[in-house]
Amino acid sequence: GSDLHCDGMISQEEFNTMLTRPEVVSTLQCLDVDCFDLLEFASMVFMDVGQPIPFEDLLNFIAQLRGGNTATVKDIVDMRRKLGMEMN
């Protein structure tokens, strides 16, 4: 599995290893998730947190990146808040 430490958490290293598996990439493509976007956004998530995240949180994050999803007002507010924090 992807959770090498069997602790319900996934590190950036575990995540990167997971994305090297053809069956994972194929599944993500079937879900209309762009693996390159996922890799880019996930690196930001892990960088912000600085530690492993719950596997369930990663799955929710991946679900939000599906190609058919549209941006919501909440998404834009979250992005604006994040950009404001980075600029300070």
N, C-alpha and C. Protein backbone atom coordinates (compact mmCIF):
# COMPACT_ATOMS: atom_id res chain seq x y z
N GLY A 1 0.81 -1.18 0.00
CA GLY A 1 0.00 0.00 0.00
C GLY A 1 0.86 1.26 0.00
N SER A 2 0.20 2.37 0.03
CA SER A 2 0.88 3.66 0.00
C SER A 2 1.34 4.11 1.37
N ASP A 3 0.68 3.65 2.42
CA ASP A 3 1.00 4.05 3.78
C ASP A 3 2.09 3.12 4.31
N LEU A 4 3.33 3.46 4.01
CA LEU A 4 4.45 2.58 4.33
C LEU A 4 4.61 2.34 5.83
N HIS A 5 4.22 3.31 6.64
CA HIS A 5 4.38 3.18 8.09
C HIS A 5 3.12 2.63 8.77
N CYS A 6 2.07 2.38 8.00
CA CYS A 6 0.80 1.84 8.51
C CYS A 6 0.27 2.66 9.68
N ASP A 7 0.36 3.99 9.55
CA ASP A 7 -0.09 4.85 10.65
C ASP A 7 -1.27 5.73 10.26
N GLY A 8 -1.85 5.50 9.07
CA GLY A 8 -2.98 6.30 8.63
C GLY A 8 -2.58 7.67 8.12
N MET A 9 -1.27 7.92 8.08
CA MET A 9 -0.74 9.20 7.62
C MET A 9 0.07 8.95 6.35
N ILE A 10 0.21 10.00 5.54
CA ILE A 10 1.04 9.86 4.35
C ILE A 10 2.00 11.04 4.27
N SER A 11 3.26 10.72 4.07
CA SER A 11 4.29 11.75 3.95
C SER A 11 4.44 12.13 2.49
N GLN A 12 5.16 13.21 2.24
CA GLN A 12 5.39 13.60 0.85
C GLN A 12 6.18 12.51 0.13
N GLU A 13 7.12 11.89 0.82
CA GLU A 13 7.89 10.81 0.21
C GLU A 13 6.98 9.64 -0.18
N GLU A 14 6.08 9.24 0.73
CA GLU A 14 5.15 8.16 0.42
C GLU A 14 4.25 8.55 -0.75
N PHE A 15 3.81 9.79 -0.76
CA PHE A 15 2.95 10.28 -1.83
C PHE A 15 3.67 10.23 -3.18
N ASN A 16 4.91 10.72 -3.20
CA ASN A 16 5.69 10.70 -4.44
C ASN A 16 5.91 9.28 -4.94
N THR A 17 6.17 8.36 -4.02
CA THR A 17 6.34 6.94 -4.38
C THR A 17 5.04 6.38 -4.95
N MET A 18 3.93 6.75 -4.34
CA MET A 18 2.63 6.29 -4.80
C MET A 18 2.40 6.69 -6.25
N LEU A 19 2.81 7.91 -6.62
CA LEU A 19 2.57 8.41 -7.99
C LEU A 19 3.50 7.78 -9.02
N THR A 20 4.43 6.94 -8.60
CA THR A 20 5.28 6.23 -9.57
C THR A 20 4.65 4.90 -9.98
N ARG A 21 3.58 4.53 -9.31
CA ARG A 21 2.92 3.25 -9.61
C ARG A 21 1.92 3.42 -10.74
N PRO A 22 2.09 2.68 -11.83
CA PRO A 22 1.20 2.84 -13.00
C PRO A 22 -0.28 2.67 -12.67
N GLU A 23 -0.61 1.75 -11.75
CA GLU A 23 -2.02 1.53 -11.43
C GLU A 23 -2.62 2.73 -10.70
N VAL A 24 -1.80 3.45 -9.94
CA VAL A 24 -2.28 4.65 -9.25
C VAL A 24 -2.53 5.76 -10.28
N VAL A 25 -1.58 5.95 -11.18
CA VAL A 25 -1.72 6.97 -12.22
C VAL A 25 -2.95 6.67 -13.08
N SER A 26 -3.14 5.42 -13.44
CA SER A 26 -4.28 5.02 -14.26
C SER A 26 -5.60 5.31 -13.54
N THR A 27 -5.67 4.99 -12.25
CA THR A 27 -6.87 5.25 -11.46
C THR A 27 -7.16 6.74 -11.38
N LEU A 28 -6.12 7.53 -11.15
CA LEU A 28 -6.30 8.97 -11.07
C LEU A 28 -6.81 9.53 -12.40
N GLN A 29 -6.27 9.02 -13.50
CA GLN A 29 -6.71 9.47 -14.82
C GLN A 29 -8.17 9.10 -15.06
N CYS A 30 -8.58 7.93 -14.60
CA CYS A 30 -9.98 7.52 -14.72
C CYS A 30 -10.89 8.44 -13.92
N LEU A 31 -10.38 8.99 -12.83
CA LEU A 31 -11.14 9.92 -11.99
C LEU A 31 -11.06 11.36 -12.50
N ASP A 32 -10.40 11.55 -13.65
CA ASP A 32 -10.23 12.87 -14.25
C ASP A 32 -9.38 13.79 -13.38
N VAL A 33 -8.34 13.21 -12.77
CA VAL A 33 -7.38 13.98 -11.98
C VAL A 33 -6.09 14.07 -12.77
N ASP A 34 -5.60 15.28 -13.00
CA ASP A 34 -4.35 15.49 -13.71
C ASP A 34 -3.20 15.23 -12.74
N CYS A 35 -2.40 14.23 -13.01
CA CYS A 35 -1.32 13.83 -12.09
C CYS A 35 -0.26 14.93 -11.93
N PHE A 36 0.00 15.69 -12.99
CA PHE A 36 0.99 16.76 -12.89
C PHE A 36 0.48 17.88 -11.96
N ASP A 37 -0.80 18.23 -12.12
CA ASP A 37 -1.40 19.23 -11.22
C ASP A 37 -1.41 18.71 -9.79
N LEU A 38 -1.77 17.45 -9.63
CA LEU A 38 -1.81 16.85 -8.31
C LEU A 38 -0.45 16.92 -7.65
N LEU A 39 0.58 16.58 -8.36
CA LEU A 39 1.94 16.61 -7.82
C LEU A 39 2.33 18.02 -7.40
N GLU A 40 2.00 18.99 -8.22
CA GLU A 40 2.33 20.38 -7.91
C GLU A 40 1.56 20.89 -6.68
N PHE A 41 0.26 20.65 -6.66
CA PHE A 41 -0.55 21.13 -5.54
C PHE A 41 -0.22 20.38 -4.25
N ALA A 42 0.01 19.09 -4.36
CA ALA A 42 0.33 18.30 -3.17
C ALA A 42 1.64 18.74 -2.55
N SER A 43 2.62 19.11 -3.38
CA SER A 43 3.88 19.56 -2.80
C SER A 43 3.66 20.82 -1.98
N MET A 44 2.72 21.68 -2.41
CA MET A 44 2.41 22.87 -1.63
C MET A 44 1.73 22.49 -0.32
N VAL A 45 0.85 21.50 -0.36
CA VAL A 45 0.16 21.06 0.86
C VAL A 45 1.16 20.52 1.86
N PHE A 46 2.04 19.64 1.40
CA PHE A 46 3.02 19.06 2.31
C PHE A 46 3.99 20.13 2.82
N MET A 47 4.33 21.10 1.98
CA MET A 47 5.23 22.17 2.39
C MET A 47 4.57 23.03 3.47
N ASP A 48 3.26 23.31 3.31
CA ASP A 48 2.55 24.11 4.31
C ASP A 48 2.48 23.40 5.65
N VAL A 49 2.21 22.12 5.59
CA VAL A 49 2.02 21.34 6.82
C VAL A 49 3.37 20.96 7.43
N GLY A 50 4.33 20.59 6.58
CA GLY A 50 5.66 20.23 7.05
C GLY A 50 5.75 18.89 7.73
N GLN A 51 4.71 18.10 7.60
CA GLN A 51 4.70 16.76 8.22
C GLN A 51 3.68 15.91 7.48
N PRO A 52 3.66 14.61 7.76
CA PRO A 52 2.66 13.75 7.10
C PRO A 52 1.24 14.24 7.40
N ILE A 53 0.33 13.97 6.45
CA ILE A 53 -1.06 14.34 6.62
C ILE A 53 -1.91 13.07 6.67
N PRO A 54 -3.10 13.14 7.28
CA PRO A 54 -3.97 11.96 7.28
C PRO A 54 -4.30 11.54 5.85
N PHE A 55 -4.28 10.24 5.60
CA PHE A 55 -4.55 9.71 4.27
C PHE A 55 -5.93 10.16 3.79
N GLU A 56 -6.89 10.21 4.69
CA GLU A 56 -8.24 10.66 4.34
C GLU A 56 -8.24 12.10 3.83
N ASP A 57 -7.42 12.96 4.43
CA ASP A 57 -7.30 14.34 3.96
C ASP A 57 -6.74 14.39 2.55
N LEU A 58 -5.77 13.51 2.27
CA LEU A 58 -5.20 13.46 0.93
C LEU A 58 -6.27 13.04 -0.08
N LEU A 59 -7.08 12.05 0.28
CA LEU A 59 -8.14 11.60 -0.63
C LEU A 59 -9.14 12.71 -0.89
N ASN A 60 -9.50 13.47 0.15
CA ASN A 60 -10.42 14.60 -0.04
C ASN A 60 -9.79 15.65 -0.94
N PHE A 61 -8.50 15.91 -0.75
CA PHE A 61 -7.78 16.87 -1.57
C PHE A 61 -7.79 16.43 -3.04
N ILE A 62 -7.53 15.16 -3.28
CA ILE A 62 -7.52 14.62 -4.64
C ILE A 62 -8.90 14.76 -5.28
N ALA A 63 -9.93 14.49 -4.52
CA ALA A 63 -11.30 14.61 -5.04
C ALA A 63 -11.60 16.04 -5.48
N GLN A 64 -11.04 17.01 -4.79
CA GLN A 64 -11.26 18.41 -5.15
C GLN A 64 -10.56 18.79 -6.45
N LEU A 65 -9.56 18.03 -6.87
CA LEU A 65 -8.80 18.35 -8.07
C LEU A 65 -9.36 17.70 -9.34
N ARG A 66 -10.49 17.03 -9.22
CA ARG A 66 -11.07 16.40 -10.39
C ARG A 66 -11.41 17.45 -11.43
N GLY A 67 -11.13 17.13 -12.68
CA GLY A 67 -11.28 18.07 -13.78
C GLY A 67 -12.67 18.66 -13.93
N GLY A 68 -13.70 17.92 -13.56
CA GLY A 68 -15.06 18.40 -13.72
C GLY A 68 -15.51 19.36 -12.64
N ASN A 69 -14.73 19.53 -11.61
CA ASN A 69 -15.11 20.42 -10.52
C ASN A 69 -14.98 21.88 -10.95
N THR A 70 -15.87 22.70 -10.45
CA THR A 70 -15.78 24.13 -10.72
C THR A 70 -15.37 24.84 -9.44
N ALA A 71 -14.75 26.00 -9.60
CA ALA A 71 -14.33 26.78 -8.44
C ALA A 71 -15.55 27.37 -7.74
N THR A 72 -15.53 27.34 -6.42
CA THR A 72 -16.60 27.94 -5.62
C THR A 72 -16.10 29.24 -5.02
N VAL A 73 -17.02 29.99 -4.46
CA VAL A 73 -16.63 31.22 -3.77
C VAL A 73 -15.66 30.88 -2.64
N LYS A 74 -15.91 29.78 -1.93
CA LYS A 74 -15.03 29.36 -0.84
C LYS A 74 -13.62 29.11 -1.37
N ASP A 75 -13.51 28.46 -2.52
CA ASP A 75 -12.19 28.21 -3.11
C ASP A 75 -11.44 29.51 -3.36
N ILE A 76 -12.14 30.49 -3.90
CA ILE A 76 -11.50 31.77 -4.21
C ILE A 76 -11.11 32.51 -2.94
N VAL A 77 -11.97 32.48 -1.92
CA VAL A 77 -11.65 33.12 -0.65
C VAL A 77 -10.45 32.43 -0.01
N ASP A 78 -10.42 31.10 -0.05
CA ASP A 78 -9.28 30.36 0.51
C ASP A 78 -7.99 30.72 -0.22
N MET A 79 -8.06 30.81 -1.56
CA MET A 79 -6.89 31.14 -2.33
C MET A 79 -6.41 32.56 -2.00
N ARG A 80 -7.35 33.48 -1.89
CA ARG A 80 -6.99 34.86 -1.57
C ARG A 80 -6.32 34.95 -0.20
N ARG A 81 -6.87 34.22 0.77
CA ARG A 81 -6.29 34.21 2.13
C ARG A 81 -4.88 33.62 2.10
N LYS A 82 -4.72 32.54 1.37
CA LYS A 82 -3.41 31.89 1.29
C LYS A 82 -2.38 32.80 0.62
N LEU A 83 -2.78 33.45 -0.46
CA LEU A 83 -1.87 34.36 -1.14
C LEU A 83 -1.49 35.53 -0.24
N GLY A 84 -2.47 36.02 0.52
CA GLY A 84 -2.19 37.11 1.46
C GLY A 84 -1.20 36.70 2.52
N MET A 85 -1.31 35.47 3.01
CA MET A 85 -0.38 34.97 4.04
C MET A 85 1.02 34.83 3.46
N GLU A 86 1.12 34.38 2.21
CA GLU A 86 2.43 34.20 1.59
C GLU A 86 3.13 35.51 1.29
N MET A 87 2.33 36.55 1.04
CA MET A 87 2.92 37.84 0.71
C MET A 87 3.39 38.61 1.95
N ASN A 88 2.90 38.23 3.10
CA ASN A 88 3.32 38.91 4.35
C ASN A 88 4.59 38.35 4.91
